[in-house]
Amino acid sequence: MSTSEEITKAISAHGAWKVKLRNAINTGECESTPSNVKKDNNCSFGKWLYERIDPSAKNSPFYNQARELHADFHKEAGAILGLALGGNKSEAEKRMSLTGDFSRYSAELTAKMKEWQRSL
């Protein structure tokens, strides 16, 4: 799969996490664990970033920025999932809000990946 295709797939998959986290906040349940979600090398995009990426793509000025934002996204998603599964619905909702870190990391990651994709 090309870098552009991996980025498109990642944007979609990470967007789906908003729905999964909202579900976890509402139900207190999720098939994933906070510790697994916090790992930025556990999802398909993370595996690509760390294992399958063409070595020349690591020279892109976007690679390190995307990797760091991706890690921030996963840390915050894992923290929110932990709150949701622990019954702290109000704090989880606060962290998911438009002014929360999750929304900021998500927007920054998506923007950086789209910028990377346009540069290809």
N, C-alpha and C. Protein backbone atom coordinates (compact mmCIF):
# COMPACT_ATOMS: atom_id res chain seq x y z
N MET A 1 0.85 -1.17 0.00
CA MET A 1 0.00 0.00 0.00
C MET A 1 0.90 1.23 0.00
N SER A 2 0.52 2.25 -0.76
CA SER A 2 1.33 3.46 -0.86
C SER A 2 1.20 4.30 0.40
N THR A 3 2.12 5.24 0.57
CA THR A 3 2.06 6.16 1.71
C THR A 3 0.74 6.92 1.71
N SER A 4 0.32 7.39 0.56
CA SER A 4 -0.94 8.12 0.47
C SER A 4 -2.12 7.26 0.90
N GLU A 5 -2.14 6.01 0.48
CA GLU A 5 -3.23 5.10 0.87
C GLU A 5 -3.19 4.81 2.37
N GLU A 6 -1.99 4.64 2.93
CA GLU A 6 -1.87 4.40 4.38
C GLU A 6 -2.40 5.59 5.16
N ILE A 7 -2.12 6.78 4.68
CA ILE A 7 -2.58 8.00 5.36
C ILE A 7 -4.10 8.10 5.30
N THR A 8 -4.68 7.84 4.14
CA THR A 8 -6.13 7.88 3.99
C THR A 8 -6.79 6.88 4.94
N LYS A 9 -6.25 5.69 4.98
CA LYS A 9 -6.78 4.64 5.86
C LYS A 9 -6.65 5.05 7.33
N ALA A 10 -5.53 5.67 7.69
CA ALA A 10 -5.30 6.08 9.08
C ALA A 10 -6.25 7.18 9.51
N ILE A 11 -6.50 8.13 8.64
CA ILE A 11 -7.41 9.23 8.97
C ILE A 11 -8.79 8.66 9.28
N SER A 12 -9.23 7.74 8.48
CA SER A 12 -10.54 7.11 8.70
C SER A 12 -10.58 6.32 10.00
N ALA A 13 -9.56 5.50 10.21
CA ALA A 13 -9.51 4.66 11.42
C ALA A 13 -9.45 5.49 12.69
N HIS A 14 -8.67 6.56 12.67
CA HIS A 14 -8.56 7.37 13.87
C HIS A 14 -9.82 8.20 14.10
N GLY A 15 -10.51 8.55 13.03
CA GLY A 15 -11.80 9.20 13.18
C GLY A 15 -12.81 8.29 13.84
N ALA A 16 -12.71 7.01 13.56
CA ALA A 16 -13.62 6.03 14.17
C ALA A 16 -13.43 5.94 15.68
N TRP A 17 -12.24 6.31 16.17
CA TRP A 17 -12.00 6.27 17.61
C TRP A 17 -12.86 7.26 18.36
N LYS A 18 -13.25 8.34 17.73
CA LYS A 18 -14.16 9.28 18.38
C LYS A 18 -15.46 8.57 18.72
N VAL A 19 -15.95 7.78 17.79
CA VAL A 19 -17.20 7.03 18.00
C VAL A 19 -17.00 5.97 19.08
N LYS A 20 -15.89 5.24 19.03
CA LYS A 20 -15.62 4.20 20.03
C LYS A 20 -15.53 4.80 21.43
N LEU A 21 -14.86 5.94 21.54
CA LEU A 21 -14.72 6.56 22.86
C LEU A 21 -16.07 7.09 23.35
N ARG A 22 -16.85 7.68 22.49
CA ARG A 22 -18.19 8.14 22.88
C ARG A 22 -19.04 6.96 23.36
N ASN A 23 -18.96 5.84 22.64
CA ASN A 23 -19.68 4.63 23.05
C ASN A 23 -19.21 4.16 24.42
N ALA A 24 -17.91 4.16 24.64
CA ALA A 24 -17.36 3.72 25.92
C ALA A 24 -17.82 4.65 27.05
N ILE A 25 -17.86 5.94 26.78
CA ILE A 25 -18.33 6.89 27.79
C ILE A 25 -19.79 6.62 28.12
N ASN A 26 -20.59 6.36 27.10
CA ASN A 26 -22.03 6.14 27.31
C ASN A 26 -22.35 4.80 27.93
N THR A 27 -21.57 3.76 27.62
CA THR A 27 -21.90 2.41 28.09
C THR A 27 -20.99 1.89 29.20
N GLY A 28 -19.80 2.50 29.32
CA GLY A 28 -18.82 1.99 30.29
C GLY A 28 -18.15 0.71 29.81
N GLU A 29 -18.27 0.41 28.52
CA GLU A 29 -17.71 -0.82 27.97
C GLU A 29 -16.96 -0.53 26.68
N CYS A 30 -15.95 -1.38 26.41
CA CYS A 30 -15.19 -1.29 25.16
C CYS A 30 -14.42 -2.59 24.98
N GLU A 31 -14.24 -3.00 23.73
CA GLU A 31 -13.50 -4.23 23.46
C GLU A 31 -12.00 -4.04 23.65
N SER A 32 -11.56 -2.80 23.67
CA SER A 32 -10.13 -2.50 23.87
C SER A 32 -9.86 -2.14 25.32
N THR A 33 -8.58 -2.19 25.68
CA THR A 33 -8.18 -1.77 27.02
C THR A 33 -7.42 -0.45 26.93
N PRO A 34 -7.45 0.35 27.98
CA PRO A 34 -6.70 1.60 27.96
C PRO A 34 -5.21 1.39 27.67
N SER A 35 -4.62 0.37 28.24
CA SER A 35 -3.18 0.15 28.02
C SER A 35 -2.88 -0.17 26.56
N ASN A 36 -3.75 -0.93 25.90
CA ASN A 36 -3.54 -1.22 24.47
C ASN A 36 -3.77 0.01 23.60
N VAL A 37 -4.77 0.81 23.95
CA VAL A 37 -5.08 2.01 23.16
C VAL A 37 -3.95 3.03 23.28
N LYS A 38 -3.31 3.11 24.43
CA LYS A 38 -2.22 4.07 24.62
C LYS A 38 -1.00 3.78 23.76
N LYS A 39 -0.87 2.54 23.31
CA LYS A 39 0.29 2.15 22.49
C LYS A 39 0.11 2.67 21.06
N ASP A 40 1.03 3.50 20.61
CA ASP A 40 0.90 4.08 19.28
C ASP A 40 1.41 3.16 18.18
N ASN A 41 1.91 2.00 18.55
CA ASN A 41 2.39 1.05 17.53
C ASN A 41 1.48 -0.17 17.43
N ASN A 42 0.28 -0.07 18.00
CA ASN A 42 -0.64 -1.20 18.06
C ASN A 42 -1.69 -1.16 16.96
N CYS A 43 -1.99 0.00 16.42
CA CYS A 43 -2.98 0.12 15.35
C CYS A 43 -2.29 -0.08 14.00
N SER A 44 -3.07 -0.18 12.97
CA SER A 44 -2.52 -0.41 11.63
C SER A 44 -1.56 0.71 11.21
N PHE A 45 -1.96 1.96 11.45
CA PHE A 45 -1.10 3.08 11.06
C PHE A 45 0.20 3.06 11.87
N GLY A 46 0.09 2.77 13.16
CA GLY A 46 1.29 2.69 14.00
C GLY A 46 2.23 1.59 13.55
N LYS A 47 1.66 0.45 13.19
CA LYS A 47 2.50 -0.66 12.69
C LYS A 47 3.18 -0.25 11.40
N TRP A 48 2.46 0.48 10.55
CA TRP A 48 3.06 0.97 9.32
C TRP A 48 4.19 1.96 9.63
N LEU A 49 3.91 2.92 10.53
CA LEU A 49 4.92 3.93 10.89
C LEU A 49 6.20 3.32 11.43
N TYR A 50 6.05 2.29 12.24
CA TYR A 50 7.21 1.72 12.92
C TYR A 50 7.84 0.53 12.19
N GLU A 51 7.04 -0.20 11.42
CA GLU A 51 7.53 -1.46 10.87
C GLU A 51 7.52 -1.55 9.35
N ARG A 52 6.43 -1.10 8.72
CA ARG A 52 6.25 -1.37 7.30
C ARG A 52 6.58 -0.20 6.38
N ILE A 53 6.79 0.96 6.93
CA ILE A 53 7.02 2.14 6.11
C ILE A 53 8.29 1.99 5.27
N ASP A 54 8.24 2.51 4.08
CA ASP A 54 9.43 2.54 3.23
C ASP A 54 10.48 3.40 3.96
N PRO A 55 11.68 2.90 4.13
CA PRO A 55 12.70 3.66 4.87
C PRO A 55 12.91 5.08 4.35
N SER A 56 12.74 5.29 3.07
CA SER A 56 12.93 6.65 2.53
C SER A 56 11.84 7.60 3.03
N ALA A 57 10.65 7.09 3.37
CA ALA A 57 9.57 7.93 3.87
C ALA A 57 9.90 8.49 5.25
N LYS A 58 10.78 7.81 5.99
CA LYS A 58 11.18 8.31 7.30
C LYS A 58 12.01 9.59 7.18
N ASN A 59 12.52 9.88 5.99
CA ASN A 59 13.27 11.10 5.76
C ASN A 59 12.36 12.29 5.49
N SER A 60 11.07 12.03 5.33
CA SER A 60 10.12 13.12 5.10
C SER A 60 10.08 14.02 6.32
N PRO A 61 9.98 15.33 6.12
CA PRO A 61 9.85 16.24 7.27
C PRO A 61 8.56 15.99 8.05
N PHE A 62 7.62 15.28 7.46
CA PHE A 62 6.33 15.02 8.11
C PHE A 62 6.37 13.78 9.01
N TYR A 63 7.31 12.89 8.79
CA TYR A 63 7.34 11.62 9.49
C TYR A 63 7.39 11.79 11.01
N ASN A 64 8.39 12.49 11.52
CA ASN A 64 8.54 12.63 12.97
C ASN A 64 7.39 13.40 13.59
N GLN A 65 6.91 14.41 12.89
CA GLN A 65 5.77 15.18 13.42
C GLN A 65 4.53 14.31 13.50
N ALA A 66 4.27 13.55 12.45
CA ALA A 66 3.10 12.67 12.45
C ALA A 66 3.24 11.59 13.52
N ARG A 67 4.43 11.05 13.69
CA ARG A 67 4.66 10.01 14.69
C ARG A 67 4.42 10.56 16.10
N GLU A 68 4.90 11.76 16.38
CA GLU A 68 4.70 12.36 17.70
C GLU A 68 3.23 12.68 17.96
N LEU A 69 2.56 13.26 16.97
CA LEU A 69 1.13 13.56 17.13
C LEU A 69 0.31 12.28 17.27
N HIS A 70 0.70 11.26 16.55
CA HIS A 70 0.02 9.97 16.63
C HIS A 70 0.17 9.39 18.04
N ALA A 71 1.35 9.50 18.62
CA ALA A 71 1.59 9.02 19.98
C ALA A 71 0.74 9.81 20.98
N ASP A 72 0.69 11.13 20.82
CA ASP A 72 -0.12 11.98 21.71
C ASP A 72 -1.60 11.59 21.62
N PHE A 73 -2.07 11.36 20.40
CA PHE A 73 -3.45 10.97 20.17
C PHE A 73 -3.77 9.68 20.95
N HIS A 74 -2.89 8.69 20.82
CA HIS A 74 -3.14 7.40 21.47
C HIS A 74 -3.06 7.50 23.00
N LYS A 75 -2.13 8.28 23.51
CA LYS A 75 -2.04 8.45 24.97
C LYS A 75 -3.32 9.05 25.52
N GLU A 76 -3.81 10.09 24.84
CA GLU A 76 -5.03 10.74 25.31
C GLU A 76 -6.25 9.84 25.13
N ALA A 77 -6.34 9.13 24.02
CA ALA A 77 -7.46 8.20 23.80
C ALA A 77 -7.46 7.12 24.88
N GLY A 78 -6.30 6.60 25.22
CA GLY A 78 -6.20 5.59 26.27
C GLY A 78 -6.61 6.13 27.63
N ALA A 79 -6.21 7.37 27.90
CA ALA A 79 -6.58 8.00 29.17
C ALA A 79 -8.10 8.19 29.25
N ILE A 80 -8.69 8.64 28.17
CA ILE A 80 -10.14 8.83 28.13
C ILE A 80 -10.86 7.49 28.29
N LEU A 81 -10.36 6.47 27.61
CA LEU A 81 -10.97 5.15 27.75
C LEU A 81 -10.88 4.67 29.19
N GLY A 82 -9.77 4.90 29.83
CA GLY A 82 -9.63 4.51 31.24
C GLY A 82 -10.65 5.20 32.12
N LEU A 83 -10.86 6.48 31.88
CA LEU A 83 -11.87 7.22 32.64
C LEU A 83 -13.26 6.66 32.36
N ALA A 84 -13.56 6.41 31.10
CA ALA A 84 -14.87 5.89 30.73
C ALA A 84 -15.14 4.53 31.36
N LEU A 85 -14.16 3.64 31.28
CA LEU A 85 -14.34 2.30 31.84
C LEU A 85 -14.37 2.32 33.36
N GLY A 86 -13.75 3.35 33.93
CA GLY A 86 -13.74 3.50 35.38
C GLY A 86 -14.96 4.23 35.92
N GLY A 87 -15.87 4.61 35.03
CA GLY A 87 -17.11 5.26 35.47
C GLY A 87 -17.01 6.76 35.63
N ASN A 88 -15.89 7.37 35.25
CA ASN A 88 -15.74 8.81 35.38
C ASN A 88 -16.19 9.48 34.09
N LYS A 89 -17.48 9.40 33.85
CA LYS A 89 -18.07 9.88 32.61
C LYS A 89 -17.85 11.38 32.40
N SER A 90 -18.01 12.18 33.44
CA SER A 90 -17.90 13.63 33.27
C SER A 90 -16.49 14.06 32.88
N GLU A 91 -15.47 13.45 33.48
CA GLU A 91 -14.09 13.80 33.12
C GLU A 91 -13.75 13.30 31.72
N ALA A 92 -14.24 12.12 31.38
CA ALA A 92 -14.02 11.60 30.03
C ALA A 92 -14.65 12.51 28.99
N GLU A 93 -15.88 12.95 29.25
CA GLU A 93 -16.56 13.87 28.33
C GLU A 93 -15.81 15.19 28.22
N LYS A 94 -15.32 15.68 29.34
CA LYS A 94 -14.55 16.93 29.35
C LYS A 94 -13.31 16.80 28.46
N ARG A 95 -12.63 15.68 28.59
CA ARG A 95 -11.40 15.48 27.80
C ARG A 95 -11.69 15.23 26.33
N MET A 96 -12.92 14.79 26.02
CA MET A 96 -13.34 14.59 24.62
C MET A 96 -13.90 15.86 24.00
N SER A 97 -14.14 16.88 24.80
CA SER A 97 -14.79 18.09 24.30
C SER A 97 -13.94 18.79 23.24
N LEU A 98 -14.55 19.73 22.55
CA LEU A 98 -13.85 20.46 21.50
C LEU A 98 -12.65 21.24 22.03
N THR A 99 -12.66 21.56 23.31
CA THR A 99 -11.53 22.29 23.90
C THR A 99 -10.53 21.37 24.59
N GLY A 100 -10.80 20.07 24.55
CA GLY A 100 -9.92 19.10 25.20
C GLY A 100 -8.73 18.72 24.33
N ASP A 101 -7.75 18.09 24.97
CA ASP A 101 -6.54 17.67 24.26
C ASP A 101 -6.84 16.66 23.16
N PHE A 102 -7.80 15.77 23.39
CA PHE A 102 -8.10 14.76 22.38
C PHE A 102 -8.50 15.41 21.06
N SER A 103 -9.38 16.39 21.13
CA SER A 103 -9.82 17.07 19.91
C SER A 103 -8.66 17.81 19.25
N ARG A 104 -7.83 18.42 20.07
CA ARG A 104 -6.67 19.14 19.53
C ARG A 104 -5.70 18.17 18.86
N TYR A 105 -5.36 17.08 19.55
CA TYR A 105 -4.43 16.09 18.97
C TYR A 105 -5.00 15.48 17.70
N SER A 106 -6.29 15.17 17.73
CA SER A 106 -6.94 14.57 16.57
C SER A 106 -6.88 15.52 15.37
N ALA A 107 -7.22 16.78 15.60
CA ALA A 107 -7.20 17.77 14.52
C ALA A 107 -5.79 17.99 13.99
N GLU A 108 -4.82 18.09 14.90
CA GLU A 108 -3.44 18.31 14.48
C GLU A 108 -2.89 17.11 13.72
N LEU A 109 -3.20 15.91 14.19
CA LEU A 109 -2.74 14.70 13.52
C LEU A 109 -3.35 14.60 12.12
N THR A 110 -4.64 14.83 12.01
CA THR A 110 -5.30 14.77 10.72
C THR A 110 -4.72 15.81 9.76
N ALA A 111 -4.53 17.02 10.25
CA ALA A 111 -3.97 18.09 9.41
C ALA A 111 -2.56 17.74 8.94
N LYS A 112 -1.75 17.19 9.83
CA LYS A 112 -0.37 16.84 9.47
C LYS A 112 -0.35 15.70 8.46
N MET A 113 -1.22 14.71 8.65
CA MET A 113 -1.26 13.61 7.71
C MET A 113 -1.74 14.08 6.33
N LYS A 114 -2.71 14.98 6.30
CA LYS A 114 -3.19 15.51 5.02
C LYS A 114 -2.10 16.34 4.35
N GLU A 115 -1.38 17.09 5.15
CA GLU A 115 -0.26 17.88 4.61
C GLU A 115 0.79 16.96 4.01
N TRP A 116 1.12 15.89 4.73
CA TRP A 116 2.08 14.89 4.25
C TRP A 116 1.57 14.30 2.94
N GLN A 117 0.29 13.95 2.92
CA GLN A 117 -0.29 13.34 1.73
C GLN A 117 -0.22 14.28 0.53
N ARG A 118 -0.49 15.56 0.75
CA ARG A 118 -0.43 16.53 -0.37
C ARG A 118 0.99 16.71 -0.89
N SER A 119 1.98 16.45 -0.02
CA SER A 119 3.38 16.63 -0.43
C SER A 119 3.88 15.50 -1.31
N LEU A 120 3.14 14.41 -1.37
CA LEU A 120 3.61 13.22 -2.11
C LEU A 120 3.47 13.38 -3.61
